[in-house]
Amino acid sequence: MEVFRLTREKYSGSLSGKGAALKGARWNSTGVELIYTASNRSLAMAEVAVHFTLATLPADYVMVIIHIPDNIKIKDISIKDLPPGWKDFPYPSTTQKFGDNFVSENKYCILKIPSVVTQGDFNLLLNTNHKDFSKIKIAKIEKFPFAQRIF
């Protein structure tokens, strides 16, 4: 399976959850490492676009295509299993606890979760502490210029 991640070029050469751990995010608290990826390129773009305007968007974004071997187990979450308010902004602490529990249980390497940004799409969160994480590899890195008409 391929998943997609838009990131600044200087961070594109390795897979690390350290960026998410610095400040925390919707599905992880500060100090908890997760790598946020998307099931398709459009969702990866939308996930970045919601945080910027055209004037503030850095020009050095690249698309990282990540290969996940088929034998890695995925925990697939449906909307009914998510905490109340999971789509809210700002997000509630219950979503962070949900992701933190996924990491601490360490039963799965990947959490497949419905996207907040694009209904019907999915984010795949990679648990960097899982024993199978080392099997996940960067397949390709591509320049990714944003079209100005998006903003």
Protein backbone atom coordinates (compact mmCIF):
# COMPACT_ATOMS: atom_id res chain seq x y z
CA MET A 1 0.00 0.00 0.00
CA GLU A 2 1.14 3.54 -0.66
CA VAL A 3 0.34 6.48 1.60
CA PHE A 4 1.19 10.13 1.12
CA ARG A 5 2.65 12.91 3.19
CA LEU A 6 3.34 16.52 2.26
CA THR A 7 6.25 17.93 4.19
CA ARG A 8 8.95 20.56 3.98
CA GLU A 9 11.84 19.34 1.84
CA LYS A 10 14.36 19.50 4.69
CA TYR A 11 12.32 16.93 6.66
CA SER A 12 11.50 14.62 3.76
CA GLY A 13 14.44 12.20 3.87
CA SER A 14 13.47 10.27 6.98
CA LEU A 15 10.37 8.98 8.68
CA SER A 16 10.03 10.42 12.15
CA GLY A 17 7.19 11.30 14.47
CA LYS A 18 9.32 13.89 16.28
CA GLY A 19 7.60 16.84 14.58
CA ALA A 20 4.16 15.77 15.79
CA ALA A 21 5.59 15.04 19.25
CA LEU A 22 6.97 18.59 19.64
CA LYS A 23 3.58 20.27 19.97
CA GLY A 24 1.06 17.47 19.78
CA ALA A 25 -1.77 17.42 17.26
CA ARG A 26 -5.31 16.11 16.92
CA TRP A 27 -4.37 12.46 17.47
CA ASN A 28 -1.32 12.74 19.74
CA SER A 29 -0.24 14.63 22.83
CA THR A 30 3.04 16.47 23.19
CA GLY A 31 5.82 13.89 23.54
CA VAL A 32 3.95 11.12 21.68
CA GLU A 33 5.39 10.29 18.26
CA LEU A 34 3.08 9.59 15.32
CA ILE A 35 3.52 10.14 11.61
CA TYR A 36 0.42 11.56 9.94
CA THR A 37 -0.16 10.31 6.39
CA ALA A 38 -3.04 10.36 3.93
CA SER A 39 -4.67 7.71 1.76
CA ASN A 40 -4.25 9.89 -1.35
CA ARG A 41 -2.37 12.93 -2.62
CA SER A 42 -5.41 15.21 -2.55
CA LEU A 43 -6.03 14.56 1.13
CA ALA A 44 -2.35 15.13 1.92
CA MET A 45 -2.65 18.50 0.16
CA ALA A 46 -5.90 19.39 1.94
CA GLU A 47 -4.36 18.53 5.33
CA VAL A 48 -1.61 21.10 4.71
CA ALA A 49 -3.81 23.70 3.00
CA VAL A 50 -6.13 24.08 6.01
CA HIS A 51 -3.21 25.50 8.00
CA PHE A 52 -2.02 28.19 5.56
CA THR A 53 -3.01 31.02 3.25
CA LEU A 54 -1.28 31.43 -0.11
CA ALA A 55 0.86 34.20 1.40
CA THR A 56 2.07 32.01 4.28
CA LEU A 57 2.49 28.71 2.42
CA PRO A 58 6.16 27.70 2.27
CA ALA A 59 7.38 27.03 -1.28
CA ASP A 60 9.50 23.99 -0.41
CA TYR A 61 6.84 21.33 0.12
CA VAL A 62 7.42 17.87 -1.34
CA MET A 63 5.19 14.83 -1.58
CA VAL A 64 6.63 11.82 0.21
CA ILE A 65 5.25 8.53 -1.06
CA ILE A 66 5.56 5.87 1.61
CA HIS A 67 5.39 2.12 0.99
CA ILE A 68 3.67 0.01 3.64
CA PRO A 69 4.05 -3.75 3.15
CA ASP A 70 0.76 -5.64 2.89
CA ASN A 71 1.57 -7.85 5.87
CA ILE A 72 1.58 -4.98 8.38
CA LYS A 73 -1.57 -5.03 10.49
CA ILE A 74 -3.80 -1.98 10.42
CA LYS A 75 -6.29 -0.95 13.09
CA ASP A 76 -9.25 0.33 11.08
CA ILE A 77 -11.47 2.76 12.99
CA SER A 78 -15.01 3.68 12.02
CA ILE A 79 -16.73 6.93 12.92
CA LYS A 80 -18.86 5.25 15.58
CA ASP A 81 -15.69 4.25 17.45
CA LEU A 82 -14.33 7.80 17.68
CA PRO A 83 -14.67 10.06 20.74
CA PRO A 84 -17.39 12.74 20.75
CA GLY A 85 -16.28 15.98 19.12
CA TRP A 86 -13.51 14.30 17.13
CA LYS A 87 -14.11 16.67 14.18
CA ASP A 88 -14.21 19.84 16.31
CA PHE A 89 -11.74 22.69 15.98
CA PRO A 90 -10.04 23.22 18.23
CA TYR A 91 -9.92 19.49 18.83
CA PRO A 92 -10.76 18.10 22.27
CA SER A 93 -8.16 16.34 24.43
CA THR A 94 -10.14 13.12 23.99
CA THR A 95 -8.81 12.76 20.45
CA GLN A 96 -5.25 13.05 21.70
CA LYS A 97 -5.94 10.44 24.39
CA PHE A 98 -7.40 8.18 21.68
CA GLY A 99 -4.18 8.35 19.64
CA ASP A 100 -1.97 8.16 22.71
CA ASN A 101 -3.73 4.93 23.73
CA PHE A 102 -3.16 3.51 20.25
CA VAL A 103 0.57 4.19 20.59
CA SER A 104 0.87 2.93 24.17
CA GLU A 105 -1.05 -0.29 23.46
CA ASN A 106 1.43 -0.88 20.61
CA LYS A 107 -0.64 -3.72 19.09
CA TYR A 108 -0.76 -2.18 15.61
CA CYS A 109 1.71 -0.20 13.55
CA ILE A 110 -0.97 1.74 11.67
CA LEU A 111 -4.19 3.44 12.71
CA LYS A 112 -6.59 4.06 9.81
CA ILE A 113 -8.93 6.85 10.83
CA PRO A 114 -11.58 8.92 9.02
CA SER A 115 -10.32 12.30 7.81
CA VAL A 116 -11.61 15.42 9.52
CA VAL A 117 -10.78 17.52 6.45
CA THR A 118 -12.20 15.39 3.63
CA GLN A 119 -15.27 13.25 4.33
CA GLY A 120 -14.86 9.74 2.90
CA ASP A 121 -11.05 9.81 2.94
CA PHE A 122 -8.72 8.38 5.55
CA ASN A 123 -5.60 9.32 7.41
CA LEU A 124 -3.16 6.58 8.32
CA LEU A 125 -1.19 7.28 11.46
CA LEU A 126 2.12 5.45 11.73
CA ASN A 127 3.28 4.30 15.15
CA THR A 128 7.05 4.76 15.10
CA ASN A 129 7.44 2.61 18.25
CA HIS A 130 5.90 -0.54 16.76
CA LYS A 131 8.20 -3.44 15.83
CA ASP A 132 6.96 -3.43 12.21
CA PHE A 133 7.66 0.28 11.67
CA SER A 134 11.15 -0.51 10.35
CA LYS A 135 9.51 -2.28 7.36
CA ILE A 136 7.88 0.97 6.21
CA LYS A 137 10.01 2.82 3.66
CA ILE A 138 10.01 6.01 1.65
CA ALA A 139 9.36 4.95 -1.95
CA LYS A 140 9.71 8.34 -3.63
CA ILE A 141 9.94 12.06 -2.97
CA GLU A 142 8.46 14.46 -5.53
CA LYS A 143 8.37 18.24 -5.79
CA PHE A 144 4.85 19.46 -5.08
CA PRO A 145 4.02 23.00 -6.14
CA PHE A 146 0.62 24.16 -4.89
CA ALA A 147 -1.66 25.64 -7.55
CA GLN A 148 -2.36 29.28 -6.63
CA ARG A 149 -6.04 28.99 -7.48
CA ILE A 150 -6.56 26.59 -4.55
CA PHE A 151 -6.25 29.46 -2.10
